[in-house]
Amino acid sequence: MEQKTIEEGVVHQVPDDMKVALLANKALLEKWNKLTPLARNEWICWTTIVKQEKTRQEHIQRLSEDVLNGKKRPCCWPGCPHRRETAKKYFKNLEE
């Protein structure tokens, strides 16, 4: 059985629902693992910071499509507020 590695971000770990999506598509996993740790961190934060499960699933779907199409980071995203102090101003009620 082939061991599949899923690379993590610099602050965030890949959550289980994202792991399922990454493991379901070999090409996606390969492109994911080639992203920089900072880029992976941005995708993880962008996906997990939302409040509603429906939105989270939409983000996982968009992540899959965008990464497969060569996109490195989420569009229109101020950055991970857990890593960048300047990004915190864009998020109300942010839990540390």
PDB file of N, CA and C in Angstrom:
ATOM      1  N   MET A   1       0.838  -1.183   0.000  1.00  0.00           N
ATOM      2  CA  MET A   1       0.000   0.000   0.000  1.00  0.00           C
ATOM      3  C   MET A   1       0.886   1.249   0.000  1.00  0.00           C
ATOM      4  N   GLU A   2       0.566   2.197  -0.853  1.00  0.00           N
ATOM      5  CA  GLU A   2       1.353   3.407  -1.001  1.00  0.00           C
ATOM      6  C   GLU A   2       1.057   4.401   0.119  1.00  0.00           C
ATOM      7  N   GLN A   3       2.123   4.879   0.762  1.00  0.00           N
ATOM      8  CA  GLN A   3       1.996   5.897   1.796  1.00  0.00           C
ATOM      9  C   GLN A   3       1.820   7.254   1.126  1.00  0.00           C
ATOM     10  N   LYS A   4       0.795   8.001   1.492  1.00  0.00           N
ATOM     11  CA  LYS A   4       0.566   9.304   0.898  1.00  0.00           C
ATOM     12  C   LYS A   4       0.810  10.374   1.956  1.00  0.00           C
ATOM     13  N   THR A   5       1.740  11.257   1.661  1.00  0.00           N
ATOM     14  CA  THR A   5       2.065  12.350   2.555  1.00  0.00           C
ATOM     15  C   THR A   5       1.265  13.578   2.164  1.00  0.00           C
ATOM     16  N   ILE A   6       0.728  14.251   3.155  1.00  0.00           N
ATOM     17  CA  ILE A   6       0.040  15.515   2.944  1.00  0.00           C
ATOM     18  C   ILE A   6       0.834  16.573   3.702  1.00  0.00           C
ATOM     19  N   GLU A   7       1.429  17.480   2.946  1.00  0.00           N
ATOM     20  CA  GLU A   7       2.224  18.538   3.564  1.00  0.00           C
ATOM     21  C   GLU A   7       1.315  19.533   4.286  1.00  0.00           C
ATOM     22  N   GLU A   8       1.824  20.102   5.372  1.00  0.00           N
ATOM     23  CA  GLU A   8       1.062  21.012   6.223  1.00  0.00           C
ATOM     24  C   GLU A   8       1.424  22.468   5.940  1.00  0.00           C
ATOM     25  N   GLY A   9       0.783  23.391   6.678  1.00  0.00           N
ATOM     26  CA  GLY A   9       1.108  24.812   6.612  1.00  0.00           C
ATOM     27  C   GLY A   9       2.104  25.156   7.700  1.00  0.00           C
ATOM     28  N   VAL A  10       2.434  26.434   7.825  1.00  0.00           N
ATOM     29  CA  VAL A  10       3.397  26.837   8.850  1.00  0.00           C
ATOM     30  C   VAL A  10       2.749  27.020  10.216  1.00  0.00           C
ATOM     31  N   VAL A  11       1.477  27.362  10.250  1.00  0.00           N
ATOM     32  CA  VAL A  11       0.739  27.533  11.504  1.00  0.00           C
ATOM     33  C   VAL A  11      -0.350  26.478  11.632  1.00  0.00           C
ATOM     34  N   HIS A  12      -1.031  26.208  10.535  1.00  0.00           N
ATOM     35  CA  HIS A  12      -2.199  25.324  10.546  1.00  0.00           C
ATOM     36  C   HIS A  12      -1.878  23.911  10.059  1.00  0.00           C
ATOM     37  N   GLN A  13      -2.586  22.961  10.630  1.00  0.00           N
ATOM     38  CA  GLN A  13      -2.532  21.564  10.191  1.00  0.00           C
ATOM     39  C   GLN A  13      -3.702  21.327   9.231  1.00  0.00           C
ATOM     40  N   VAL A  14      -3.536  20.423   8.305  1.00  0.00           N
ATOM     41  CA  VAL A  14      -4.603  20.098   7.357  1.00  0.00           C
ATOM     42  C   VAL A  14      -5.701  19.348   8.115  1.00  0.00           C
ATOM     43  N   PRO A  15      -6.937  19.891   8.115  1.00  0.00           N
ATOM     44  CA  PRO A  15      -8.042  19.211   8.799  1.00  0.00           C
ATOM     45  C   PRO A  15      -8.510  17.978   8.025  1.00  0.00           C
ATOM     46  N   ASP A  16      -9.221  17.118   8.706  1.00  0.00           N
ATOM     47  CA  ASP A  16      -9.652  15.843   8.123  1.00  0.00           C
ATOM     48  C   ASP A  16     -10.462  15.999   6.835  1.00  0.00           C
ATOM     49  N   ASP A  17     -11.388  16.974   6.790  1.00  0.00           N
ATOM     50  CA  ASP A  17     -12.213  17.112   5.579  1.00  0.00           C
ATOM     51  C   ASP A  17     -11.375  17.542   4.372  1.00  0.00           C
ATOM     52  N   MET A  18     -10.334  18.323   4.598  1.00  0.00           N
ATOM     53  CA  MET A  18      -9.429  18.680   3.498  1.00  0.00           C
ATOM     54  C   MET A  18      -8.576  17.488   3.102  1.00  0.00           C
ATOM     55  N   LYS A  19      -8.165  16.692   4.071  1.00  0.00           N
ATOM     56  CA  LYS A  19      -7.377  15.492   3.763  1.00  0.00           C
ATOM     57  C   LYS A  19      -8.143  14.561   2.840  1.00  0.00           C
ATOM     58  N   VAL A  20      -9.433  14.405   3.100  1.00  0.00           N
ATOM     59  CA  VAL A  20     -10.266  13.541   2.254  1.00  0.00           C
ATOM     60  C   VAL A  20     -10.234  14.034   0.810  1.00  0.00           C
ATOM     61  N   ALA A  21     -10.403  15.341   0.627  1.00  0.00           N
ATOM     62  CA  ALA A  21     -10.400  15.907  -0.729  1.00  0.00           C
ATOM     63  C   ALA A  21      -9.034  15.747  -1.397  1.00  0.00           C
ATOM     64  N   LEU A  22      -7.975  15.974  -0.645  1.00  0.00           N
ATOM     65  CA  LEU A  22      -6.628  15.855  -1.206  1.00  0.00           C
ATOM     66  C   LEU A  22      -6.294  14.414  -1.577  1.00  0.00           C
ATOM     67  N   LEU A  23      -6.680  13.482  -0.738  1.00  0.00           N
ATOM     68  CA  LEU A  23      -6.376  12.072  -0.997  1.00  0.00           C
ATOM     69  C   LEU A  23      -7.235  11.484  -2.109  1.00  0.00           C
ATOM     70  N   ALA A  24      -8.371  12.120  -2.381  1.00  0.00           N
ATOM     71  CA  ALA A  24      -9.278  11.614  -3.413  1.00  0.00           C
ATOM     72  C   ALA A  24      -8.793  11.924  -4.831  1.00  0.00           C
ATOM     73  N   ASN A  25      -7.814  12.819  -4.963  1.00  0.00           N
ATOM     74  CA  ASN A  25      -7.358  13.233  -6.287  1.00  0.00           C
ATOM     75  C   ASN A  25      -5.834  13.299  -6.283  1.00  0.00           C
ATOM     76  N   LYS A  26      -5.202  12.353  -6.961  1.00  0.00           N
ATOM     77  CA  LYS A  26      -3.740  12.258  -6.969  1.00  0.00           C
ATOM     78  C   LYS A  26      -3.085  13.520  -7.515  1.00  0.00           C
ATOM     79  N   ALA A  27      -3.637  14.074  -8.594  1.00  0.00           N
ATOM     80  CA  ALA A  27      -3.065  15.288  -9.196  1.00  0.00           C
ATOM     81  C   ALA A  27      -3.170  16.466  -8.229  1.00  0.00           C
ATOM     82  N   LEU A  28      -4.290  16.564  -7.539  1.00  0.00           N
ATOM     83  CA  LEU A  28      -4.468  17.631  -6.555  1.00  0.00           C
ATOM     84  C   LEU A  28      -3.452  17.496  -5.424  1.00  0.00           C
ATOM     85  N   LEU A  29      -3.278  16.292  -4.916  1.00  0.00           N
ATOM     86  CA  LEU A  29      -2.328  16.059  -3.829  1.00  0.00           C
ATOM     87  C   LEU A  29      -0.906  16.412  -4.266  1.00  0.00           C
ATOM     88  N   GLU A  30      -0.537  16.049  -5.471  1.00  0.00           N
ATOM     89  CA  GLU A  30       0.803  16.378  -5.973  1.00  0.00           C
ATOM     90  C   GLU A  30       1.011  17.889  -6.040  1.00  0.00           C
ATOM     91  N   LYS A  31       0.022  18.602  -6.566  1.00  0.00           N
ATOM     92  CA  LYS A  31       0.142  20.062  -6.658  1.00  0.00           C
ATOM     93  C   LYS A  31       0.131  20.697  -5.275  1.00  0.00           C
ATOM     94  N   TRP A  32      -0.700  20.170  -4.371  1.00  0.00           N
ATOM     95  CA  TRP A  32      -0.758  20.667  -2.995  1.00  0.00           C
ATOM     96  C   TRP A  32       0.619  20.544  -2.337  1.00  0.00           C
ATOM     97  N   ASN A  33       1.215  19.390  -2.456  1.00  0.00           N
ATOM     98  CA  ASN A  33       2.505  19.161  -1.807  1.00  0.00           C
ATOM     99  C   ASN A  33       3.628  19.999  -2.406  1.00  0.00           C
ATOM    100  N   LYS A  34       3.443  20.504  -3.623  1.00  0.00           N
ATOM    101  CA  LYS A  34       4.451  21.362  -4.247  1.00  0.00           C
ATOM    102  C   LYS A  34       4.291  22.834  -3.869  1.00  0.00           C
ATOM    103  N   LEU A  35       3.152  23.198  -3.274  1.00  0.00           N
ATOM    104  CA  LEU A  35       2.972  24.569  -2.805  1.00  0.00           C
ATOM    105  C   LEU A  35       3.944  24.847  -1.666  1.00  0.00           C
ATOM    106  N   THR A  36       4.262  26.101  -1.456  1.00  0.00           N
ATOM    107  CA  THR A  36       5.122  26.455  -0.323  1.00  0.00           C
ATOM    108  C   THR A  36       4.338  26.264   0.976  1.00  0.00           C
ATOM    109  N   PRO A  37       5.024  26.073   2.094  1.00  0.00           N
ATOM    110  CA  PRO A  37       4.320  25.962   3.371  1.00  0.00           C
ATOM    111  C   PRO A  37       3.440  27.184   3.665  1.00  0.00           C
ATOM    112  N   LEU A  38       3.896  28.380   3.293  1.00  0.00           N
ATOM    113  CA  LEU A  38       3.080  29.579   3.507  1.00  0.00           C
ATOM    114  C   LEU A  38       1.818  29.562   2.649  1.00  0.00           C
ATOM    115  N   ALA A  39       1.938  29.126   1.414  1.00  0.00           N
ATOM    116  CA  ALA A  39       0.767  29.049   0.532  1.00  0.00           C
ATOM    117  C   ALA A  39      -0.231  28.017   1.070  1.00  0.00           C
ATOM    118  N   ARG A  40       0.271  26.858   1.495  1.00  0.00           N
ATOM    119  CA  ARG A  40      -0.628  25.844   2.066  1.00  0.00           C
ATOM    120  C   ARG A  40      -1.314  26.394   3.308  1.00  0.00           C
ATOM    121  N   ASN A  41      -0.574  27.128   4.119  1.00  0.00           N
ATOM    122  CA  ASN A  41      -1.140  27.720   5.329  1.00  0.00           C
ATOM    123  C   ASN A  41      -2.300  28.658   4.988  1.00  0.00           C
ATOM    124  N   GLU A  42      -2.136  29.464   3.940  1.00  0.00           N
ATOM    125  CA  GLU A  42      -3.193  30.384   3.534  1.00  0.00           C
ATOM    126  C   GLU A  42      -4.450  29.624   3.110  1.00  0.00           C
ATOM    127  N   TRP A  43      -4.281  28.567   2.331  1.00  0.00           N
ATOM    128  CA  TRP A  43      -5.441  27.764   1.911  1.00  0.00           C
ATOM    129  C   TRP A  43      -6.136  27.128   3.115  1.00  0.00           C
ATOM    130  N   ILE A  44      -5.356  26.597   4.051  1.00  0.00           N
ATOM    131  CA  ILE A  44      -5.951  25.950   5.222  1.00  0.00           C
ATOM    132  C   ILE A  44      -6.731  26.972   6.037  1.00  0.00           C
ATOM    133  N   CYS A  45      -6.126  28.117   6.312  1.00  0.00           N
ATOM    134  CA  CYS A  45      -6.805  29.141   7.100  1.00  0.00           C
ATOM    135  C   CYS A  45      -8.055  29.636   6.386  1.00  0.00           C
ATOM    136  N   TRP A  46      -7.942  29.911   5.098  1.00  0.00           N
ATOM    137  CA  TRP A  46      -9.069  30.399   4.302  1.00  0.00           C
ATOM    138  C   TRP A  46     -10.248  29.417   4.364  1.00  0.00           C
ATOM    139  N   THR A  47      -9.933  28.145   4.388  1.00  0.00           N
ATOM    140  CA  THR A  47     -10.974  27.113   4.426  1.00  0.00           C
ATOM    141  C   THR A  47     -11.573  26.946   5.819  1.00  0.00           C
ATOM    142  N   THR A  48     -10.767  27.022   6.841  1.00  0.00           N
ATOM    143  CA  THR A  48     -11.223  26.698   8.185  1.00  0.00           C
ATOM    144  C   THR A  48     -11.750  27.879   8.988  1.00  0.00           C
ATOM    145  N   ILE A  49     -11.496  29.106   8.555  1.00  0.00           N
ATOM    146  CA  ILE A  49     -11.903  30.267   9.333  1.00  0.00           C
ATOM    147  C   ILE A  49     -13.397  30.577   9.192  1.00  0.00           C
ATOM    148  N   VAL A  50     -14.048  30.009   8.206  1.00  0.00           N
ATOM    149  CA  VAL A  50     -15.472  30.279   7.994  1.00  0.00           C
ATOM    150  C   VAL A  50     -16.318  29.640   9.094  1.00  0.00           C
ATOM    151  N   LYS A  51     -17.524  30.166   9.285  1.00  0.00           N
ATOM    152  CA  LYS A  51     -18.379  29.690  10.377  1.00  0.00           C
ATOM    153  C   LYS A  51     -19.332  28.568   9.961  1.00  0.00           C
ATOM    154  N   GLN A  52     -19.843  28.633   8.747  1.00  0.00           N
ATOM    155  CA  GLN A  52     -20.853  27.664   8.324  1.00  0.00           C
ATOM    156  C   GLN A  52     -20.226  26.487   7.591  1.00  0.00           C
ATOM    157  N   GLU A  53     -20.745  25.305   7.864  1.00  0.00           N
ATOM    158  CA  GLU A  53     -20.250  24.081   7.229  1.00  0.00           C
ATOM    159  C   GLU A  53     -20.429  24.137   5.709  1.00  0.00           C
ATOM    160  N   LYS A  54     -21.533  24.707   5.253  1.00  0.00           N
ATOM    161  CA  LYS A  54     -21.791  24.812   3.812  1.00  0.00           C
ATOM    162  C   LYS A  54     -20.692  25.639   3.139  1.00  0.00           C
ATOM    163  N   THR A  55     -20.334  26.750   3.756  1.00  0.00           N
ATOM    164  CA  THR A  55     -19.282  27.608   3.210  1.00  0.00           C
ATOM    165  C   THR A  55     -17.943  26.887   3.225  1.00  0.00           C
ATOM    166  N   ARG A  56     -17.691  26.150   4.277  1.00  0.00           N
ATOM    167  CA  ARG A  56     -16.442  25.394   4.366  1.00  0.00           C
ATOM    168  C   ARG A  56     -16.336  24.383   3.228  1.00  0.00           C
ATOM    169  N   GLN A  57     -17.415  23.679   2.950  1.00  0.00           N
ATOM    170  CA  GLN A  57     -17.412  22.710   1.851  1.00  0.00           C
ATOM    171  C   GLN A  57     -17.218  23.405   0.508  1.00  0.00           C
ATOM    172  N   GLU A  58     -17.813  24.589   0.357  1.00  0.00           N
ATOM    173  CA  GLU A  58     -17.612  25.363  -0.877  1.00  0.00           C
ATOM    174  C   GLU A  58     -16.145  25.768  -1.021  1.00  0.00           C
ATOM    175  N   HIS A  59     -15.517  26.121   0.101  1.00  0.00           N
ATOM    176  CA  HIS A  59     -14.108  26.499   0.058  1.00  0.00           C
ATOM    177  C   HIS A  59     -13.228  25.300  -0.299  1.00  0.00           C
ATOM    178  N   ILE A  60     -13.546  24.145   0.219  1.00  0.00           N
ATOM    179  CA  ILE A  60     -12.769  22.949  -0.121  1.00  0.00           C
ATOM    180  C   ILE A  60     -12.911  22.638  -1.611  1.00  0.00           C
ATOM    181  N   GLN A  61     -14.114  22.781  -2.141  1.00  0.00           N
ATOM    182  CA  GLN A  61     -14.335  22.555  -3.571  1.00  0.00           C
ATOM    183  C   GLN A  61     -13.546  23.562  -4.404  1.00  0.00           C
ATOM    184  N   ARG A  62     -13.604  24.829  -4.001  1.00  0.00           N
ATOM    185  CA  ARG A  62     -12.880  25.864  -4.753  1.00  0.00           C
ATOM    186  C   ARG A  62     -11.376  25.669  -4.630  1.00  0.00           C
ATOM    187  N   LEU A  63     -10.901  25.304  -3.458  1.00  0.00           N
ATOM    188  CA  LEU A  63      -9.480  25.004  -3.265  1.00  0.00           C
ATOM    189  C   LEU A  63      -9.053  23.927  -4.256  1.00  0.00           C
ATOM    190  N   SER A  64      -9.838  22.866  -4.336  1.00  0.00           N
ATOM    191  CA  SER A  64      -9.512  21.756  -5.238  1.00  0.00           C
ATOM    192  C   SER A  64      -9.401  22.238  -6.683  1.00  0.00           C
ATOM    193  N   GLU A  65     -10.374  22.992  -7.121  1.00  0.00           N
ATOM    194  CA  GLU A  65     -10.375  23.484  -8.503  1.00  0.00           C
ATOM    195  C   GLU A  65      -9.229  24.456  -8.754  1.00  0.00           C
ATOM    196  N   ASP A  66      -9.048  25.401  -7.830  1.00  0.00           N
ATOM    197  CA  ASP A  66      -8.033  26.430  -8.028  1.00  0.00           C
ATOM    198  C   ASP A  66      -6.617  25.862  -8.002  1.00  0.00           C
ATOM    199  N   VAL A  67      -6.326  24.979  -7.070  1.00  0.00           N
ATOM    200  CA  VAL A  67      -4.988  24.395  -6.994  1.00  0.00           C
ATOM    201  C   VAL A  67      -4.717  23.541  -8.241  1.00  0.00           C
ATOM    202  N   LEU A  68      -5.709  22.785  -8.677  1.00  0.00           N
ATOM    203  CA  LEU A  68      -5.534  22.002  -9.902  1.00  0.00           C
ATOM    204  C   LEU A  68      -5.264  22.891 -11.112  1.00  0.00           C
ATOM    205  N   ASN A  69      -5.832  24.096 -11.089  1.00  0.00           N
ATOM    206  CA  ASN A  69      -5.633  25.040 -12.190  1.00  0.00           C
ATOM    207  C   ASN A  69      -4.370  25.888 -12.013  1.00  0.00           C
ATOM    208  N   GLY A  70      -3.571  25.566 -11.003  1.00  0.00           N
ATOM    209  CA  GLY A  70      -2.288  26.239 -10.836  1.00  0.00           C
ATOM    210  C   GLY A  70      -2.281  27.437  -9.915  1.00  0.00           C
ATOM    211  N   LYS A  71      -3.390  27.716  -9.284  1.00  0.00           N
ATOM    212  CA  LYS A  71      -3.451  28.863  -8.387  1.00  0.00           C
ATOM    213  C   LYS A  71      -2.677  28.554  -7.106  1.00  0.00           C
ATOM    214  N   LYS A  72      -1.927  29.515  -6.629  1.00  0.00           N
ATOM    215  CA  LYS A  72      -1.065  29.294  -5.460  1.00  0.00           C
ATOM    216  C   LYS A  72      -1.722  29.676  -4.138  1.00  0.00           C
ATOM    217  N   ARG A  73      -2.606  30.688  -4.159  1.00  0.00           N
ATOM    218  CA  ARG A  73      -3.228  31.174  -2.922  1.00  0.00           C
ATOM    219  C   ARG A  73      -4.674  31.576  -3.185  1.00  0.00           C
ATOM    220  N   PRO A  74      -5.487  31.654  -2.133  1.00  0.00           N
ATOM    221  CA  PRO A  74      -6.881  32.067  -2.318  1.00  0.00           C
ATOM    222  C   PRO A  74      -6.980  33.519  -2.807  1.00  0.00           C
ATOM    223  N   CYS A  75      -7.899  33.759  -3.697  1.00  0.00           N
ATOM    224  CA  CYS A  75      -8.114  35.100  -4.234  1.00  0.00           C
ATOM    225  C   CYS A  75      -8.807  35.986  -3.199  1.00  0.00           C
ATOM    226  N   CYS A  76      -8.431  37.246  -3.202  1.00  0.00           N
ATOM    227  CA  CYS A  76      -9.106  38.253  -2.375  1.00  0.00           C
ATOM    228  C   CYS A  76      -9.063  37.900  -0.889  1.00  0.00           C
ATOM    229  N   TRP A  77      -7.960  37.417  -0.430  1.00  0.00           N
ATOM    230  CA  TRP A  77      -7.779  36.960   0.947  1.00  0.00           C
ATOM    231  C   TRP A  77      -6.709  37.833   1.600  1.00  0.00           C
ATOM    232  N   PRO A  78      -7.025  38.485   2.720  1.00  0.00           N
ATOM    233  CA  PRO A  78      -6.044  39.388   3.336  1.00  0.00           C
ATOM    234  C   PRO A  78      -4.866  38.669   3.988  1.00  0.00           C
ATOM    235  N   GLY A  79      -4.958  37.374   4.094  1.00  0.00           N
ATOM    236  CA  GLY A  79      -3.884  36.591   4.706  1.00  0.00           C
ATOM    237  C   GLY A  79      -4.326  35.985   6.021  1.00  0.00           C
ATOM    238  N   CYS A  80      -3.574  35.037   6.474  1.00  0.00           N
ATOM    239  CA  CYS A  80      -3.893  34.320   7.707  1.00  0.00           C
ATOM    240  C   CYS A  80      -3.726  35.240   8.910  1.00  0.00           C
ATOM    241  N   PRO A  81      -4.809  35.531   9.622  1.00  0.00           N
ATOM    242  CA  PRO A  81      -4.707  36.404  10.793  1.00  0.00           C
ATOM    243  C   PRO A  81      -3.997  35.730  11.963  1.00  0.00           C
ATOM    244  N   HIS A  82      -3.801  34.438  11.886  1.00  0.00           N
ATOM    245  CA  HIS A  82      -3.089  33.709  12.935  1.00  0.00           C
ATOM    246  C   HIS A  82      -1.581  33.837  12.758  1.00  0.00           C
ATOM    247  N   ARG A  83      -1.176  34.286  11.586  1.00  0.00           N
ATOM    248  CA  ARG A  83       0.235  34.425  11.261  1.00  0.00           C
ATOM    249  C   ARG A  83       0.631  35.871  11.012  1.00  0.00           C
ATOM    250  N   ARG A  84      -0.285  36.650  10.461  1.00  0.00           N
ATOM    251  CA  ARG A  84       0.009  38.042  10.112  1.00  0.00           C
ATOM    252  C   ARG A  84      -0.837  38.985  10.960  1.00  0.00           C
ATOM    253  N   GLU A  85      -0.196  39.737  11.803  1.00  0.00           N
ATOM    254  CA  GLU A  85      -0.884  40.687  12.687  1.00  0.00           C
ATOM    255  C   GLU A  85      -1.727  41.679  11.887  1.00  0.00           C
ATOM    256  N   THR A  86      -1.238  42.125  10.743  1.00  0.00           N
ATOM    257  CA  THR A  86      -1.954  43.126   9.947  1.00  0.00           C
ATOM    258  C   THR A  86      -3.243  42.587   9.335  1.00  0.00           C
ATOM    259  N   ALA A  87      -3.383  41.296   9.219  1.00  0.00           N
ATOM    260  CA  ALA A  87      -4.598  40.709   8.648  1.00  0.00           C
ATOM    261  C   ALA A  87      -5.733  40.621   9.665  1.00  0.00           C
ATOM    262  N   LYS A  88      -5.433  40.724  10.939  1.00  0.00           N
ATOM    263  CA  LYS A  88      -6.456  40.582  11.981  1.00  0.00           C
ATOM    264  C   LYS A  88      -7.568  41.611  11.867  1.00  0.00           C
ATOM    265  N   LYS A  89      -7.259  42.792  11.356  1.00  0.00           N
ATOM    266  CA  LYS A  89      -8.273  43.848  11.280  1.00  0.00           C
ATOM    267  C   LYS A  89      -9.443  43.478  10.364  1.00  0.00           C
ATOM    268  N   TYR A  90      -9.264  42.500   9.507  1.00  0.00           N
ATOM    269  CA  TYR A  90     -10.312  42.089   8.589  1.00  0.00           C
ATOM    270  C   TYR A  90     -11.257  41.039   9.168  1.00  0.00           C
ATOM    271  N   PHE A  91     -10.980  40.578  10.360  1.00  0.00           N
ATOM    272  CA  PHE A  91     -11.764  39.505  10.961  1.00  0.00           C
ATOM    273  C   PHE A  91     -12.320  39.930  12.308  1.00  0.00           C
ATOM    274  N   LYS A  92     -13.647  40.003  12.384  1.00  0.00           N
ATOM    275  CA  LYS A  92     -14.295  40.346  13.642  1.00  0.00           C
ATOM    276  C   LYS A  92     -14.434  39.079  14.479  1.00  0.00           C
ATOM    277  N   ASN A  93     -14.336  39.245  15.761  1.00  0.00           N
ATOM    278  CA  ASN A  93     -14.540  38.143  16.707  1.00  0.00           C
ATOM    279  C   ASN A  93     -13.624  36.954  16.412  1.00  0.00           C
ATOM    280  N   LEU A  94     -12.408  37.233  16.058  1.00  0.00           N
ATOM    281  CA  LEU A  94     -11.445  36.174  15.763  1.00  0.00           C
ATOM    282  C   LEU A  94     -11.022  35.487  17.040  1.00  0.00           C
ATOM    283  N   GLU A  95     -11.189  34.179  17.050  1.00  0.00           N
ATOM    284  CA  GLU A  95     -10.737  33.389  18.198  1.00  0.00           C
ATOM    285  C   GLU A  95      -9.295  32.980  17.932  1.00  0.00           C
ATOM    286  N   GLU A  96      -8.451  33.243  18.883  1.00  0.00           N
ATOM    287  CA  GLU A  96      -7.027  32.928  18.729  1.00  0.00           C
ATOM    288  C   GLU A  96      -6.782  31.461  18.872  1.00  0.00           C
TER     289      GLU A  96
END
